[in-house]
N, C-alpha and C. Protein backbone atom coordinates (compact mmCIF):
# COMPACT_ATOMS: atom_id res chain seq x y z
N MET A 1 82.39 82.01 40.35
CA MET A 1 83.55 82.07 41.24
C MET A 1 83.08 82.55 42.61
N ASN A 2 83.79 82.20 43.61
CA ASN A 2 83.49 82.58 44.98
C ASN A 2 83.71 84.09 45.17
N THR A 3 82.69 84.78 45.64
CA THR A 3 82.78 86.24 45.82
C THR A 3 83.88 86.62 46.79
N GLU A 4 84.04 85.84 47.84
CA GLU A 4 85.10 86.13 48.81
C GLU A 4 86.48 86.10 48.15
N LYS A 5 86.68 85.17 47.24
CA LYS A 5 87.95 85.08 46.50
C LYS A 5 88.12 86.31 45.60
N LEU A 6 87.04 86.76 44.96
CA LEU A 6 87.13 87.95 44.11
C LEU A 6 87.52 89.18 44.94
N VAL A 7 86.94 89.30 46.12
CA VAL A 7 87.26 90.43 47.00
C VAL A 7 88.74 90.37 47.39
N THR A 8 89.21 89.18 47.73
CA THR A 8 90.62 89.02 48.09
C THR A 8 91.52 89.40 46.93
N MET A 9 91.18 88.92 45.74
CA MET A 9 91.99 89.23 44.56
C MET A 9 91.98 90.73 44.28
N ALA A 10 90.83 91.36 44.36
CA ALA A 10 90.73 92.80 44.11
C ALA A 10 91.56 93.58 45.13
N ASN A 11 91.52 93.16 46.37
CA ASN A 11 92.32 93.83 47.40
C ASN A 11 93.81 93.65 47.18
N GLN A 12 94.22 92.50 46.65
CA GLN A 12 95.63 92.29 46.31
C GLN A 12 96.06 93.23 45.19
N ILE A 13 95.21 93.39 44.21
CA ILE A 13 95.49 94.33 43.11
C ILE A 13 95.61 95.74 43.69
N GLY A 14 94.68 96.08 44.56
CA GLY A 14 94.72 97.40 45.20
C GLY A 14 95.98 97.62 46.01
N GLY A 15 96.45 96.58 46.68
CA GLY A 15 97.69 96.69 47.45
C GLY A 15 98.87 97.04 46.58
N PHE A 16 98.91 96.47 45.40
CA PHE A 16 99.99 96.79 44.46
C PHE A 16 99.92 98.26 44.03
N PHE A 17 98.75 98.69 43.61
CA PHE A 17 98.60 100.04 43.09
C PHE A 17 98.61 101.11 44.19
N ALA A 18 98.38 100.73 45.42
CA ALA A 18 98.38 101.69 46.53
C ALA A 18 99.75 102.34 46.71
N ALA A 19 100.78 101.67 46.26
CA ALA A 19 102.14 102.21 46.40
C ALA A 19 102.43 103.34 45.41
N MET A 20 101.56 103.55 44.46
CA MET A 20 101.79 104.60 43.46
C MET A 20 101.61 105.97 44.11
N PRO A 21 102.50 106.89 43.80
CA PRO A 21 102.40 108.22 44.41
C PRO A 21 101.21 109.05 43.89
N ASP A 22 100.74 108.77 42.68
CA ASP A 22 99.63 109.51 42.08
C ASP A 22 98.33 108.75 42.35
N HIS A 23 97.48 109.32 43.18
CA HIS A 23 96.23 108.66 43.58
C HIS A 23 95.36 108.34 42.38
N GLN A 24 95.19 109.27 41.48
CA GLN A 24 94.36 109.06 40.30
C GLN A 24 94.90 107.94 39.42
N GLU A 25 96.21 107.90 39.29
CA GLU A 25 96.84 106.84 38.51
C GLU A 25 96.61 105.46 39.16
N ALA A 26 96.62 105.43 40.48
CA ALA A 26 96.35 104.19 41.19
C ALA A 26 94.91 103.73 40.94
N LEU A 27 93.95 104.66 41.01
CA LEU A 27 92.55 104.32 40.75
C LEU A 27 92.37 103.75 39.35
N GLU A 28 92.96 104.41 38.39
CA GLU A 28 92.84 103.96 37.00
C GLU A 28 93.53 102.62 36.80
N GLY A 29 94.68 102.43 37.45
CA GLY A 29 95.41 101.17 37.33
C GLY A 29 94.62 99.99 37.85
N ILE A 30 93.97 100.18 38.98
CA ILE A 30 93.15 99.11 39.56
C ILE A 30 92.03 98.73 38.60
N ALA A 31 91.29 99.72 38.15
CA ALA A 31 90.16 99.45 37.26
C ALA A 31 90.62 98.83 35.94
N LEU A 32 91.69 99.33 35.38
CA LEU A 32 92.17 98.79 34.11
C LEU A 32 92.67 97.35 34.27
N HIS A 33 93.32 97.07 35.38
CA HIS A 33 93.79 95.71 35.61
C HIS A 33 92.61 94.74 35.68
N ILE A 34 91.59 95.11 36.43
CA ILE A 34 90.41 94.25 36.54
C ILE A 34 89.74 94.10 35.17
N LYS A 35 89.64 95.17 34.42
CA LYS A 35 89.03 95.11 33.08
C LYS A 35 89.81 94.18 32.16
N LYS A 36 91.13 94.30 32.17
CA LYS A 36 91.97 93.52 31.26
C LYS A 36 92.05 92.04 31.61
N PHE A 37 92.15 91.74 32.89
CA PHE A 37 92.50 90.38 33.29
C PHE A 37 91.39 89.57 33.93
N TRP A 38 90.25 90.17 34.20
CA TRP A 38 89.12 89.43 34.77
C TRP A 38 88.08 89.20 33.69
N ALA A 39 87.54 88.01 33.68
CA ALA A 39 86.47 87.68 32.74
C ALA A 39 85.22 88.48 33.10
N PRO A 40 84.39 88.80 32.10
CA PRO A 40 83.16 89.56 32.39
C PRO A 40 82.30 88.99 33.52
N PRO A 41 82.13 87.67 33.63
CA PRO A 41 81.33 87.16 34.75
C PRO A 41 81.94 87.48 36.12
N MET A 42 83.26 87.50 36.18
CA MET A 42 83.93 87.86 37.44
C MET A 42 83.65 89.32 37.80
N ARG A 43 83.75 90.19 36.80
CA ARG A 43 83.48 91.62 37.04
C ARG A 43 82.03 91.83 37.45
N ARG A 44 81.12 91.17 36.76
CA ARG A 44 79.69 91.32 37.10
C ARG A 44 79.41 90.85 38.53
N GLU A 45 80.03 89.74 38.92
CA GLU A 45 79.82 89.22 40.26
C GLU A 45 80.35 90.20 41.32
N LEU A 46 81.50 90.79 41.07
CA LEU A 46 82.06 91.76 42.02
C LEU A 46 81.17 93.00 42.10
N LEU A 47 80.69 93.48 40.97
CA LEU A 47 79.81 94.66 40.98
C LEU A 47 78.50 94.35 41.70
N ALA A 48 77.94 93.17 41.49
CA ALA A 48 76.71 92.78 42.17
C ALA A 48 76.95 92.69 43.68
N HIS A 49 78.10 92.19 44.06
CA HIS A 49 78.44 92.09 45.49
C HIS A 49 78.52 93.48 46.11
N ILE A 50 79.12 94.42 45.42
CA ILE A 50 79.22 95.80 45.92
C ILE A 50 77.83 96.40 46.06
N ASP A 51 76.98 96.17 45.07
CA ASP A 51 75.61 96.72 45.11
C ASP A 51 74.79 96.14 46.25
N ALA A 52 75.03 94.88 46.58
CA ALA A 52 74.22 94.20 47.58
C ALA A 52 74.73 94.34 49.01
N ASN A 53 75.97 94.80 49.18
CA ASN A 53 76.59 94.81 50.50
C ASN A 53 77.22 96.16 50.80
N ALA A 54 76.71 96.84 51.82
CA ALA A 54 77.30 98.12 52.23
C ALA A 54 78.74 97.90 52.67
N ASP A 55 79.00 96.80 53.37
CA ASP A 55 80.36 96.45 53.77
C ASP A 55 80.83 95.35 52.83
N SER A 56 81.42 95.76 51.73
CA SER A 56 81.80 94.80 50.69
C SER A 56 83.07 94.03 51.01
N GLY A 57 83.83 94.49 51.99
CA GLY A 57 85.09 93.85 52.32
C GLY A 57 86.25 94.34 51.47
N LEU A 58 85.93 95.25 50.54
CA LEU A 58 86.99 95.80 49.69
C LEU A 58 87.74 96.91 50.41
N ALA A 59 89.02 96.99 50.11
CA ALA A 59 89.83 98.09 50.63
C ALA A 59 89.25 99.40 50.09
N PRO A 60 89.34 100.48 50.87
CA PRO A 60 88.77 101.76 50.42
C PRO A 60 89.27 102.20 49.04
N LEU A 61 90.54 102.01 48.76
CA LEU A 61 91.09 102.43 47.47
C LEU A 61 90.47 101.62 46.33
N VAL A 62 90.28 100.33 46.55
CA VAL A 62 89.69 99.46 45.53
C VAL A 62 88.23 99.85 45.30
N LEU A 63 87.51 100.06 46.36
CA LEU A 63 86.10 100.44 46.24
C LEU A 63 85.97 101.77 45.51
N GLU A 64 86.83 102.71 45.84
CA GLU A 64 86.83 104.01 45.15
C GLU A 64 87.11 103.84 43.66
N ALA A 65 88.10 103.02 43.34
CA ALA A 65 88.46 102.79 41.93
C ALA A 65 87.29 102.19 41.17
N ILE A 66 86.64 101.21 41.76
CA ILE A 66 85.53 100.55 41.08
C ILE A 66 84.35 101.50 40.91
N LYS A 67 84.05 102.26 41.94
CA LYS A 67 82.93 103.21 41.84
C LYS A 67 83.19 104.29 40.80
N HIS A 68 84.42 104.78 40.72
CA HIS A 68 84.74 105.83 39.76
C HIS A 68 84.87 105.33 38.33
N GLN A 69 85.18 104.05 38.17
CA GLN A 69 85.40 103.49 36.83
C GLN A 69 84.38 102.40 36.50
N ARG A 70 83.23 102.44 37.16
CA ARG A 70 82.24 101.37 37.00
C ARG A 70 81.84 101.15 35.54
N ASP A 71 81.69 102.21 34.78
CA ASP A 71 81.29 102.06 33.37
C ASP A 71 82.31 101.24 32.60
N LEU A 72 83.58 101.40 32.94
CA LEU A 72 84.64 100.64 32.29
C LEU A 72 84.51 99.15 32.58
N LEU A 73 84.03 98.82 33.76
CA LEU A 73 83.99 97.42 34.19
C LEU A 73 82.74 96.67 33.75
N ASN A 74 81.71 97.37 33.31
CA ASN A 74 80.48 96.70 32.87
C ASN A 74 80.67 95.99 31.57
């Protein structure tokens, strides 16, 4: 899948969860959504993109969620 599309999709997920008043709950929600609904190759591609690019294009909340829950997404 196109990495740019994955970044866009992840940011859309983050936009939904950003409205949650509990920051920790938002982080967990983002990571769990990606784990549940993205195929493993999609998750691997997004993680590889983050590893290879200092400016991943991800919203700060999404990047934080992925970094804190990386083990869940592998």
